[in-house]
C-alpha atoms as a PDB file:
ATOM      1  CA  MET A   1       2.558  39.230 -31.721  1.00  0.00           C
ATOM      2  CA  ASN A   2      -0.288  38.583 -34.120  1.00  0.00           C
ATOM      3  CA  PRO A   3      -3.905  38.960 -32.983  1.00  0.00           C
ATOM      4  CA  ILE A   4      -5.215  35.602 -31.706  1.00  0.00           C
ATOM      5  CA  ASP A   5      -7.242  33.718 -34.298  1.00  0.00           C
ATOM      6  CA  THR A   6     -10.000  32.329 -32.102  1.00  0.00           C
ATOM      7  CA  LEU A   7     -11.327  30.155 -34.920  1.00  0.00           C
ATOM      8  CA  ASN A   8      -8.232  27.963 -34.512  1.00  0.00           C
ATOM      9  CA  LEU A   9      -8.748  27.550 -30.746  1.00  0.00           C
ATOM     10  CA  ASP A  10     -11.010  24.587 -30.089  1.00  0.00           C
ATOM     11  CA  PHE A  11     -11.265  22.109 -27.220  1.00  0.00           C
ATOM     12  CA  ARG A  12      -9.205  19.451 -28.961  1.00  0.00           C
ATOM     13  CA  SER A  13      -6.371  21.770 -29.963  1.00  0.00           C
ATOM     14  CA  LEU A  14      -6.122  23.247 -26.463  1.00  0.00           C
ATOM     15  CA  SER A  15      -6.145  19.731 -24.983  1.00  0.00           C
ATOM     16  CA  THR A  16      -3.298  18.839 -27.330  1.00  0.00           C
ATOM     17  CA  PHE A  17      -1.336  21.886 -26.166  1.00  0.00           C
ATOM     18  CA  LEU A  18      -1.731  20.817 -22.518  1.00  0.00           C
ATOM     19  CA  ALA A  19      -0.764  17.221 -23.289  1.00  0.00           C
ATOM     20  CA  VAL A  20       2.503  18.360 -24.898  1.00  0.00           C
ATOM     21  CA  LEU A  21       3.113  20.787 -22.019  1.00  0.00           C
ATOM     22  CA  ASP A  22       2.544  18.049 -19.425  1.00  0.00           C
ATOM     23  CA  GLU A  23       4.480  15.325 -21.223  1.00  0.00           C
ATOM     24  CA  GLY A  24       7.325  17.464 -22.584  1.00  0.00           C
ATOM     25  CA  SER A  25       7.233  15.366 -25.729  1.00  0.00           C
ATOM     26  CA  VAL A  26       5.161  15.231 -28.910  1.00  0.00           C
ATOM     27  CA  SER A  27       5.393  11.433 -29.060  1.00  0.00           C
ATOM     28  CA  ARG A  28       4.298  10.926 -25.445  1.00  0.00           C
ATOM     29  CA  ALA A  29       1.478  13.437 -25.912  1.00  0.00           C
ATOM     30  CA  ALA A  30       0.319  11.471 -28.963  1.00  0.00           C
ATOM     31  CA  VAL A  31       0.241   8.240 -26.941  1.00  0.00           C
ATOM     32  CA  ARG A  32      -1.683   9.965 -24.150  1.00  0.00           C
ATOM     33  CA  LEU A  33      -4.244  11.381 -26.578  1.00  0.00           C
ATOM     34  CA  GLY A  34      -4.473   8.235 -28.695  1.00  0.00           C
ATOM     35  CA  VAL A  35      -3.537  10.006 -31.937  1.00  0.00           C
ATOM     36  CA  THR A  36      -0.550  10.035 -34.293  1.00  0.00           C
ATOM     37  CA  GLN A  37       2.520  12.193 -33.794  1.00  0.00           C
ATOM     38  CA  SER A  38       1.797  13.943 -37.068  1.00  0.00           C
ATOM     39  CA  ALA A  39      -1.681  14.878 -35.813  1.00  0.00           C
ATOM     40  CA  VAL A  40      -0.140  16.451 -32.707  1.00  0.00           C
ATOM     41  CA  SER A  41       2.471  18.268 -34.775  1.00  0.00           C
ATOM     42  CA  HIS A  42      -0.186  19.572 -37.174  1.00  0.00           C
ATOM     43  CA  THR A  43      -2.324  20.831 -34.283  1.00  0.00           C
ATOM     44  CA  LEU A  44       0.685  22.563 -32.704  1.00  0.00           C
ATOM     45  CA  GLU A  45       1.441  24.276 -35.988  1.00  0.00           C
ATOM     46  CA  ARG A  46      -2.125  25.623 -36.162  1.00  0.00           C
ATOM     47  CA  LEU A  47      -1.805  26.854 -32.579  1.00  0.00           C
ATOM     48  CA  ARG A  48       1.488  28.571 -33.359  1.00  0.00           C
ATOM     49  CA  GLN A  49      -0.194  30.428 -36.186  1.00  0.00           C
ATOM     50  CA  ALA A  50      -3.205  31.319 -34.044  1.00  0.00           C
ATOM     51  CA  LEU A  51      -1.225  32.432 -30.984  1.00  0.00           C
ATOM     52  CA  GLY A  52       1.763  33.940 -32.747  1.00  0.00           C
ATOM     53  CA  ASP A  53       4.290  32.056 -30.620  1.00  0.00           C
ATOM     54  CA  PRO A  54       6.482  28.971 -31.222  1.00  0.00           C
ATOM     55  CA  LEU A  55       5.090  27.414 -27.989  1.00  0.00           C
ATOM     56  CA  PHE A  56       7.735  24.648 -27.948  1.00  0.00           C
ATOM     57  CA  VAL A  57      11.307  24.753 -29.211  1.00  0.00           C
ATOM     58  CA  LYS A  58      13.985  22.099 -29.630  1.00  0.00           C
ATOM     59  CA  SER A  59      16.457  21.572 -26.813  1.00  0.00           C
ATOM     60  CA  GLY A  60      18.965  18.759 -27.249  1.00  0.00           C
ATOM     61  CA  ARG A  61      16.966  15.694 -28.245  1.00  0.00           C
ATOM     62  CA  GLY A  62      13.733  17.005 -26.799  1.00  0.00           C
ATOM     63  CA  ILE A  63      11.597  20.119 -26.654  1.00  0.00           C
ATOM     64  CA  VAL A  64      10.977  22.779 -24.032  1.00  0.00           C
ATOM     65  CA  PRO A  65       8.045  25.185 -23.677  1.00  0.00           C
ATOM     66  CA  THR A  66       8.514  28.862 -24.387  1.00  0.00           C
ATOM     67  CA  ARG A  67       7.869  31.467 -21.708  1.00  0.00           C
ATOM     68  CA  TYR A  68       4.540  32.204 -23.397  1.00  0.00           C
ATOM     69  CA  ALA A  69       3.521  28.520 -23.253  1.00  0.00           C
ATOM     70  CA  LEU A  70       4.374  28.271 -19.554  1.00  0.00           C
ATOM     71  CA  GLN A  71       2.356  31.385 -18.770  1.00  0.00           C
ATOM     72  CA  ALA A  72      -0.570  30.287 -20.940  1.00  0.00           C
ATOM     73  CA  GLY A  73      -0.773  26.801 -19.397  1.00  0.00           C
ATOM     74  CA  PRO A  74      -2.821  27.696 -16.270  1.00  0.00           C
ATOM     75  CA  HIS A  75      -5.198  29.871 -18.314  1.00  0.00           C
ATOM     76  CA  VAL A  76      -5.778  27.113 -20.859  1.00  0.00           C
ATOM     77  CA  ARG A  77      -6.512  24.632 -18.064  1.00  0.00           C
ATOM     78  CA  GLN A  78      -9.079  26.984 -16.601  1.00  0.00           C
ATOM     79  CA  ILE A  79     -10.715  27.474 -20.015  1.00  0.00           C
ATOM     80  CA  LEU A  80     -11.047  23.714 -20.489  1.00  0.00           C
ATOM     81  CA  ASP A  81     -12.344  23.249 -16.936  1.00  0.00           C
ATOM     82  CA  ASP A  82     -14.980  25.919 -17.586  1.00  0.00           C
ATOM     83  CA  LEU A  83     -16.001  24.308 -20.885  1.00  0.00           C
ATOM     84  CA  GLN A  84     -16.349  20.911 -19.207  1.00  0.00           C
ATOM     85  CA  SER A  85     -18.432  22.390 -16.407  1.00  0.00           C
ATOM     86  CA  LEU A  86     -21.049  23.447 -18.991  1.00  0.00           C
ATOM     87  CA  SER A  87     -22.114  19.810 -19.269  1.00  0.00           C
ATOM     88  CA  SER A  88     -22.075  19.061 -15.547  1.00  0.00           C
ATOM     89  CA  GLY A  89     -25.868  19.294 -15.354  1.00  0.00           C
ATOM     90  CA  PRO A  90     -27.909  20.160 -12.255  1.00  0.00           C
ATOM     91  CA  PRO A  91     -26.327  20.655  -8.812  1.00  0.00           C
ATOM     92  CA  PHE A  92     -25.056  17.456  -7.211  1.00  0.00           C
ATOM     93  CA  SER A  93     -27.349  15.814  -4.656  1.00  0.00           C
ATOM     94  CA  PRO A  94     -25.742  12.915  -2.713  1.00  0.00           C
ATOM     95  CA  ALA A  95     -29.118  11.494  -1.696  1.00  0.00           C
ATOM     96  CA  THR A  96     -30.287  11.002  -5.293  1.00  0.00           C
ATOM     97  CA  ALA A  97     -26.996  10.476  -7.160  1.00  0.00           C
ATOM     98  CA  GLU A  98     -26.452   7.122  -8.871  1.00  0.00           C
ATOM     99  CA  PHE A  99     -23.035   6.240 -10.260  1.00  0.00           C
ATOM    100  CA  SER A 100     -19.902   4.195  -9.537  1.00  0.00           C
ATOM    101  CA  PHE A 101     -16.756   5.842  -8.151  1.00  0.00           C
ATOM    102  CA  THR A 102     -13.395   4.098  -8.564  1.00  0.00           C
ATOM    103  CA  ILE A 103     -10.501   4.550  -6.124  1.00  0.00           C
ATOM    104  CA  ALA A 104      -7.017   3.091  -6.601  1.00  0.00           C
ATOM    105  CA  ALA A 105      -5.404   2.123  -3.287  1.00  0.00           C
ATOM    106  CA  ASN A 106      -3.262  -0.653  -1.910  1.00  0.00           C
ATOM    107  CA  ASP A 107      -4.662  -2.844   0.860  1.00  0.00           C
ATOM    108  CA  TYR A 108      -3.138  -0.740   3.655  1.00  0.00           C
ATOM    109  CA  GLN A 109      -4.775   2.462   2.402  1.00  0.00           C
ATOM    110  CA  ARG A 110      -7.972   0.606   1.505  1.00  0.00           C
ATOM    111  CA  ASP A 111      -8.471  -0.905   4.951  1.00  0.00           C
ATOM    112  CA  LEU A 112      -7.449   2.281   6.751  1.00  0.00           C
ATOM    113  CA  LEU A 113      -9.668   4.799   4.966  1.00  0.00           C
ATOM    114  CA  LEU A 114     -12.289   3.257   2.725  1.00  0.00           C
ATOM    115  CA  PRO A 115     -14.517   1.358   5.193  1.00  0.00           C
ATOM    116  CA  GLY A 116     -15.243   4.738   6.795  1.00  0.00           C
ATOM    117  CA  LEU A 117     -16.040   6.188   3.375  1.00  0.00           C
ATOM    118  CA  VAL A 118     -18.467   3.338   2.629  1.00  0.00           C
ATOM    119  CA  GLN A 119     -20.292   4.029   5.907  1.00  0.00           C
ATOM    120  CA  VAL A 120     -20.801   7.628   4.769  1.00  0.00           C
ATOM    121  CA  LEU A 121     -21.972   6.560   1.310  1.00  0.00           C
ATOM    122  CA  ARG A 122     -24.497   4.057   2.669  1.00  0.00           C
ATOM    123  CA  LYS A 123     -25.947   6.731   4.926  1.00  0.00           C
ATOM    124  CA  GLU A 124     -25.822   9.839   2.748  1.00  0.00           C
ATOM    125  CA  ALA A 125     -25.431   8.621  -0.839  1.00  0.00           C
ATOM    126  CA  PRO A 126     -26.826   5.080  -1.153  1.00  0.00           C
ATOM    127  CA  GLY A 127     -26.881   5.293  -4.948  1.00  0.00           C
ATOM    128  CA  ILE A 128     -23.098   5.731  -5.202  1.00  0.00           C
ATOM    129  CA  SER A 129     -21.185   2.444  -5.402  1.00  0.00           C
ATOM    130  CA  LEU A 130     -17.465   2.175  -4.708  1.00  0.00           C
ATOM    131  CA  GLN A 131     -14.957   0.159  -6.711  1.00  0.00           C
ATOM    132  CA  VAL A 132     -11.425  -0.298  -5.335  1.00  0.00           C
ATOM    133  CA  ILE A 133      -8.532  -1.296  -7.602  1.00  0.00           C
ATOM    134  CA  PRO A 134      -4.821  -1.834  -6.769  1.00  0.00           C
ATOM    135  CA  SER A 135      -2.602   1.219  -7.040  1.00  0.00           C
ATOM    136  CA  GLY A 136       1.040   0.161  -6.539  1.00  0.00           C
ATOM    137  CA  ILE A 137       3.088   3.286  -7.195  1.00  0.00           C
ATOM    138  CA  PRO A 138       0.569   5.281  -9.255  1.00  0.00           C
ATOM    139  CA  ARG A 139       1.110   6.462 -12.815  1.00  0.00           C
ATOM    140  CA  PRO A 140      -0.516   9.657 -14.123  1.00  0.00           C
ATOM    141  CA  ASP A 141      -2.326   7.620 -16.799  1.00  0.00           C
ATOM    142  CA  LEU A 142      -4.443   5.956 -14.102  1.00  0.00           C
ATOM    143  CA  LEU A 143      -6.193   9.306 -13.750  1.00  0.00           C
ATOM    144  CA  ARG A 144      -5.705  10.713 -17.239  1.00  0.00           C
ATOM    145  CA  LYS A 145      -7.344   7.724 -18.925  1.00  0.00           C
ATOM    146  CA  ASP A 146     -10.189   7.412 -16.389  1.00  0.00           C
ATOM    147  CA  VAL A 147      -8.951   4.064 -15.100  1.00  0.00           C
ATOM    148  CA  CYS A 148      -9.950   5.482 -11.719  1.00  0.00           C
ATOM    149  CA  ASP A 149     -11.390   8.694 -10.292  1.00  0.00           C
ATOM    150  CA  LEU A 150      -9.106   8.997  -7.272  1.00  0.00           C
ATOM    151  CA  VAL A 151      -5.789   7.562  -6.098  1.00  0.00           C
ATOM    152  CA  ILE A 152      -4.680   7.234  -2.487  1.00  0.00           C
ATOM    153  CA  SER A 153      -0.917   6.882  -2.214  1.00  0.00           C
ATOM    154  CA  PRO A 154       2.161   8.428  -0.585  1.00  0.00           C
ATOM    155  CA  HIS A 155       3.628   8.779  -4.076  1.00  0.00           C
ATOM    156  CA  ALA A 156       2.617  11.788  -6.178  1.00  0.00           C
ATOM    157  CA  PRO A 157       3.334  11.530  -9.918  1.00  0.00           C
ATOM    158  CA  GLU A 158       5.420  14.381 -11.282  1.00  0.00           C
ATOM    159  CA  ALA A 159       2.750  15.843 -13.553  1.00  0.00           C
ATOM    160  CA  THR A 160       1.238  19.295 -13.702  1.00  0.00           C
ATOM    161  CA  ASP A 161      -2.266  17.972 -14.415  1.00  0.00           C
ATOM    162  CA  ILE A 162      -2.456  15.787 -11.290  1.00  0.00           C
ATOM    163  CA  MET A 163      -3.850  17.486  -8.186  1.00  0.00           C
ATOM    164  CA  GLN A 164      -3.105  16.369  -4.643  1.00  0.00           C
ATOM    165  CA  ARG A 165      -4.176  16.851  -1.048  1.00  0.00           C
ATOM    166  CA  GLY A 166      -2.487  15.494   2.076  1.00  0.00           C
ATOM    167  CA  LEU A 167      -4.669  13.214   4.199  1.00  0.00           C
ATOM    168  CA  MET A 168      -2.576  11.931   7.085  1.00  0.00           C
ATOM    169  CA  ALA A 169       0.987  11.215   8.151  1.00  0.00           C
ATOM    170  CA  ASP A 170       2.302   7.765   9.015  1.00  0.00           C
ATOM    171  CA  ARG A 171       5.631   6.057   9.586  1.00  0.00           C
ATOM    172  CA  MET A 172       7.175   2.643   9.009  1.00  0.00           C
ATOM    173  CA  VAL A 173       7.620   0.446  12.087  1.00  0.00           C
ATOM    174  CA  VAL A 174       8.679  -3.141  12.851  1.00  0.00           C
ATOM    175  CA  PHE A 175       5.950  -5.687  13.653  1.00  0.00           C
ATOM    176  CA  TYR A 176       6.571  -8.998  15.456  1.00  0.00           C
ATOM    177  CA  ASP A 177       4.686 -11.751  17.275  1.00  0.00           C
ATOM    178  CA  ALA A 178       5.331 -11.022  20.963  1.00  0.00           C
ATOM    179  CA  ALA A 179       4.473 -14.616  21.901  1.00  0.00           C
ATOM    180  CA  TYR A 180       7.452 -15.893  19.924  1.00  0.00           C
ATOM    181  CA  ARG A 181      10.173 -13.274  20.182  1.00  0.00           C
ATOM    182  CA  GLN A 182      11.404 -10.045  21.716  1.00  0.00           C
ATOM    183  CA  PRO A 183      11.679  -6.877  19.615  1.00  0.00           C
ATOM    184  CA  PRO A 184      15.008  -6.276  17.870  1.00  0.00           C
ATOM    185  CA  ALA A 185      17.224  -4.360  20.273  1.00  0.00           C
ATOM    186  CA  ASP A 186      19.230  -2.502  17.642  1.00  0.00           C
ATOM    187  CA  LEU A 187      20.054  -2.278  13.947  1.00  0.00           C
ATOM    188  CA  PRO A 188      22.404  -5.313  13.843  1.00  0.00           C
ATOM    189  CA  GLU A 189      19.724  -7.480  15.462  1.00  0.00           C
ATOM    190  CA  TYR A 190      17.125  -6.153  13.025  1.00  0.00           C
ATOM    191  CA  LEU A 191      19.338  -6.951  10.033  1.00  0.00           C
ATOM    192  CA  LYS A 192      20.219 -10.397  11.390  1.00  0.00           C
ATOM    193  CA  ALA A 193      16.571 -11.445  11.809  1.00  0.00           C
ATOM    194  CA  ASP A 194      14.456 -13.212   9.196  1.00  0.00           C
ATOM    195  CA  HIS A 195      12.032 -10.831   7.452  1.00  0.00           C
ATOM    196  CA  ILE A 196       8.797 -10.880   5.504  1.00  0.00           C
ATOM    197  CA  ALA A 197       9.257  -8.448   2.630  1.00  0.00           C
ATOM    198  CA  LEU A 198       6.901  -6.719   0.237  1.00  0.00           C
ATOM    199  CA  LEU A 199       7.166  -6.413  -3.531  1.00  0.00           C
ATOM    200  CA  PHE A 200       4.088  -4.903  -5.140  1.00  0.00           C
ATOM    201  CA  ALA A 201       2.443  -6.890  -7.925  1.00  0.00           C
ATOM    202  CA  THR A 202       3.377  -4.038 -10.272  1.00  0.00           C
ATOM    203  CA  GLY A 203       7.072  -4.720  -9.522  1.00  0.00           C
ATOM    204  CA  GLU A 204       7.896  -1.736  -7.287  1.00  0.00           C
ATOM    205  CA  LYS A 205       9.647  -2.035  -3.948  1.00  0.00           C
ATOM    206  CA  PRO A 206       8.405  -0.062  -0.925  1.00  0.00           C
ATOM    207  CA  THR A 207      10.466   3.081  -0.395  1.00  0.00           C
ATOM    208  CA  VAL A 208      11.912   1.728   2.862  1.00  0.00           C
ATOM    209  CA  GLU A 209      13.529  -1.097   0.870  1.00  0.00           C
ATOM    210  CA  THR A 210      15.010   1.407  -1.570  1.00  0.00           C
ATOM    211  CA  ALA A 211      16.321   3.521   1.321  1.00  0.00           C
ATOM    212  CA  MET A 212      18.029   0.469   2.841  1.00  0.00           C
ATOM    213  CA  ASP A 213      19.627  -0.409  -0.491  1.00  0.00           C
ATOM    214  CA  THR A 214      20.963   3.145  -0.779  1.00  0.00           C
ATOM    215  CA  ARG A 215      22.535   2.916   2.688  1.00  0.00           C
ATOM    216  CA  GLY A 216      24.024  -0.505   2.038  1.00  0.00           C
ATOM    217  CA  LEU A 217      21.828  -2.159   4.681  1.00  0.00           C
ATOM    218  CA  VAL A 218      21.192  -5.823   3.905  1.00  0.00           C
ATOM    219  CA  ARG A 219      18.607  -7.980   5.675  1.00  0.00           C
ATOM    220  CA  ARG A 220      17.467 -11.557   5.070  1.00  0.00           C
ATOM    221  CA  ASN A 221      14.066 -11.667   3.388  1.00  0.00           C
ATOM    222  CA  VAL A 222      12.831 -15.249   3.693  1.00  0.00           C
ATOM    223  CA  VAL A 223       9.291 -14.552   2.442  1.00  0.00           C
ATOM    224  CA  THR A 224       8.153 -11.943  -0.109  1.00  0.00           C
ATOM    225  CA  VAL A 225       4.474 -11.110  -0.607  1.00  0.00           C
ATOM    226  CA  SER A 226       2.765  -8.854  -3.140  1.00  0.00           C
ATOM    227  CA  ASN A 227       0.557  -6.908  -0.723  1.00  0.00           C
ATOM    228  CA  PHE A 228       0.229  -6.048   2.952  1.00  0.00           C
ATOM    229  CA  SER A 229      -2.609  -8.543   3.390  1.00  0.00           C
ATOM    230  CA  GLY A 230      -0.040 -11.318   3.085  1.00  0.00           C
ATOM    231  CA  LEU A 231       1.855 -10.258   6.210  1.00  0.00           C
ATOM    232  CA  PRO A 232      -0.299 -11.420   9.180  1.00  0.00           C
ATOM    233  CA  GLU A 233      -0.482 -15.149   8.506  1.00  0.00           C
ATOM    234  CA  PHE A 234       3.201 -15.417   7.669  1.00  0.00           C
ATOM    235  CA  LEU A 235       4.134 -13.387  10.754  1.00  0.00           C
ATOM    236  CA  ARG A 236       1.857 -15.209  13.189  1.00  0.00           C
ATOM    237  CA  GLY A 237       3.546 -17.891  15.284  1.00  0.00           C
ATOM    238  CA  THR A 238       7.084 -17.117  14.038  1.00  0.00           C
ATOM    239  CA  ASP A 239      10.145 -15.148  15.102  1.00  0.00           C
ATOM    240  CA  MET A 240      10.177 -13.193  11.823  1.00  0.00           C
ATOM    241  CA  LEU A 241       9.828  -9.413  11.457  1.00  0.00           C
ATOM    242  CA  ALA A 242       7.684  -7.337   9.106  1.00  0.00           C
ATOM    243  CA  THR A 243       8.262  -3.662   8.346  1.00  0.00           C
ATOM    244  CA  ALA A 244       4.994  -1.867   7.608  1.00  0.00           C
ATOM    245  CA  PRO A 245       3.109   1.408   8.299  1.00  0.00           C
ATOM    246  CA  GLU A 246       2.190   2.028  11.941  1.00  0.00           C
ATOM    247  CA  GLY A 247      -1.402   2.650  10.849  1.00  0.00           C
ATOM    248  CA  MET A 248      -1.755  -1.074  10.188  1.00  0.00           C
ATOM    249  CA  SER A 249      -1.623  -1.671  13.946  1.00  0.00           C
ATOM    250  CA  LYS A 250      -5.246  -0.477  13.947  1.00  0.00           C
ATOM    251  CA  HIS A 251      -6.535  -3.135  11.531  1.00  0.00           C
ATOM    252  CA  LEU A 252      -4.599  -5.728   9.538  1.00  0.00           C
ATOM    253  CA  LEU A 253      -1.725  -6.108  12.047  1.00  0.00           C
ATOM    254  CA  ARG A 254      -3.704  -5.341  15.209  1.00  0.00           C
ATOM    255  CA  ASP A 255      -2.708  -8.680  16.790  1.00  0.00           C
ATOM    256  CA  PHE A 256       1.013  -7.944  16.719  1.00  0.00           C
ATOM    257  CA  ALA A 257       3.423  -5.834  18.754  1.00  0.00           C
ATOM    258  CA  TRP A 258       5.589  -3.206  17.114  1.00  0.00           C
ATOM    259  CA  VAL A 259       8.598  -0.975  17.748  1.00  0.00           C
ATOM    260  CA  PRO A 260      10.084   1.936  15.770  1.00  0.00           C
ATOM    261  CA  LEU A 261      12.563   1.250  12.994  1.00  0.00           C
ATOM    262  CA  PRO A 262      16.155   0.996  14.309  1.00  0.00           C
ATOM    263  CA  PHE A 263      17.368   3.501  11.701  1.00  0.00           C
ATOM    264  CA  ASP A 264      16.279   6.952  10.571  1.00  0.00           C
ATOM    265  CA  PHE A 265      13.540   6.906   7.980  1.00  0.00           C
ATOM    266  CA  LYS A 266      11.310   9.895   7.404  1.00  0.00           C
ATOM    267  CA  THR A 267       7.579   9.820   7.959  1.00  0.00           C
ATOM    268  CA  PHE A 268       5.377   9.851   4.884  1.00  0.00           C
ATOM    269  CA  THR A 269       2.072  11.467   4.013  1.00  0.00           C
ATOM    270  CA  LEU A 270      -0.854   9.662   2.453  1.00  0.00           C
ATOM    271  CA  LEU A 271      -2.075  11.766  -0.450  1.00  0.00           C
ATOM    272  CA  MET A 272      -5.344  11.947  -2.316  1.00  0.00           C
ATOM    273  CA  LEU A 273      -4.660  12.391  -6.055  1.00  0.00           C
ATOM    274  CA  TRP A 274      -7.047  13.309  -8.864  1.00  0.00           C
ATOM    275  CA  HIS A 275      -6.958  14.735 -12.374  1.00  0.00           C
ATOM    276  CA  ARG A 276      -7.337  18.462 -12.804  1.00  0.00           C
ATOM    277  CA  ARG A 277     -10.389  18.053 -15.046  1.00  0.00           C
ATOM    278  CA  ASN A 278     -12.319  16.867 -11.973  1.00  0.00           C
ATOM    279  CA  GLN A 279     -11.196  19.741  -9.768  1.00  0.00           C
ATOM    280  CA  ASN A 280     -14.518  21.582  -9.903  1.00  0.00           C
ATOM    281  CA  ASP A 281     -16.874  18.677 -10.537  1.00  0.00           C
ATOM    282  CA  PRO A 282     -19.415  18.869  -7.661  1.00  0.00           C
ATOM    283  CA  ALA A 283     -19.791  15.092  -7.210  1.00  0.00           C
ATOM    284  CA  HIS A 284     -16.048  14.517  -7.299  1.00  0.00           C
ATOM    285  CA  LYS A 285     -15.485  17.393  -4.877  1.00  0.00           C
ATOM    286  CA  TRP A 286     -18.095  15.999  -2.465  1.00  0.00           C
ATOM    287  CA  LEU A 287     -16.473  12.569  -2.470  1.00  0.00           C
ATOM    288  CA  ARG A 288     -13.010  14.053  -1.932  1.00  0.00           C
ATOM    289  CA  ASN A 289     -14.368  15.939   1.050  1.00  0.00           C
ATOM    290  CA  GLN A 290     -15.768  12.703   2.513  1.00  0.00           C
ATOM    291  CA  VAL A 291     -12.402  10.930   2.165  1.00  0.00           C
ATOM    292  CA  ASN A 292     -10.728  13.906   3.809  1.00  0.00           C
ATOM    293  CA  ALA A 293     -13.265  13.831   6.654  1.00  0.00           C
ATOM    294  CA  VAL A 294     -12.571  10.127   7.288  1.00  0.00           C
ATOM    295  CA  ALA A 295      -8.831  10.861   7.416  1.00  0.00           C
ATOM    296  CA  ALA A 296      -9.405  13.833   9.746  1.00  0.00           C
ATOM    297  CA  ALA A 297     -11.364  11.602  12.141  1.00  0.00           C
ATOM    298  CA  LEU A 298      -8.528   9.064  12.186  1.00  0.00           C
ATOM    299  CA  ASN A 299      -6.004  11.858  12.812  1.00  0.00           C
ATOM    300  CA  ALA A 300      -8.106  13.064  15.757  1.00  0.00           C
ATOM    301  CA  LEU A 301      -7.915   9.606  17.351  1.00  0.00           C
ATOM    302  CA  LYS A 302      -4.112   9.851  17.408  1.00  0.00           C
ATOM    303  CA  HIS A 303      -4.162  12.894  19.678  1.00  0.00           C
END
């Protein structure tokens, strides 16, 4: 292997290497970086010369990283993280910080976790404002392109540059208005009932719907809403059913009774997701710790 030519190793070229490693494609890396495919290819060629390794080789219609590229990936990430930390400025002080922090979450996750976070911010970091945007099933680009700083979701994108931390477990249950009906006694009664269904505005179905489709279970959805906030008023005063996370019994669906699902469906974990570049940022780390503390307090109330 040739000696490494450090003059050909700059921030942009190393970022390009990681983009191709993460995306597994020169074209997708180019889209992610906002440059042309030829620019990515040219940068890779310079890196090959500097590092003395092919880095990526053709496999079928795509490319795969070499052993060297896979081993170099974590080191390159650390180098870029260290370079970014040089501009992080003085130590983070919550009491004097002033900036806006954006979290992507659906209304269930928003109402469950973020009011508690706002209470902390108003007390300890009054200069930090919070913006909440819809998440649906999150895409890595939400974090890569700084659309948001943090995502709360049970769905983790398959990407090596997206970090995650488990917050709390929950399960899907069946809500109903006890003044108008009894709970479904079994699966046939559940399937026979009229349901309020959910289809996210981004077009994705909840995973429980996908699981039912896979098992060939068919129910009658008479109303479909685009978020959990649409459930209460449609459910109230009717004999319909709504399948939603048990955690909603503490806020949005607190006025309704619930029973477990009449079929096996695994519990899920709410995750906190962020981009690797923010892993060591002191402000970002502090805010992640506050979200985790809110979740820990909610978990403690369950026991």
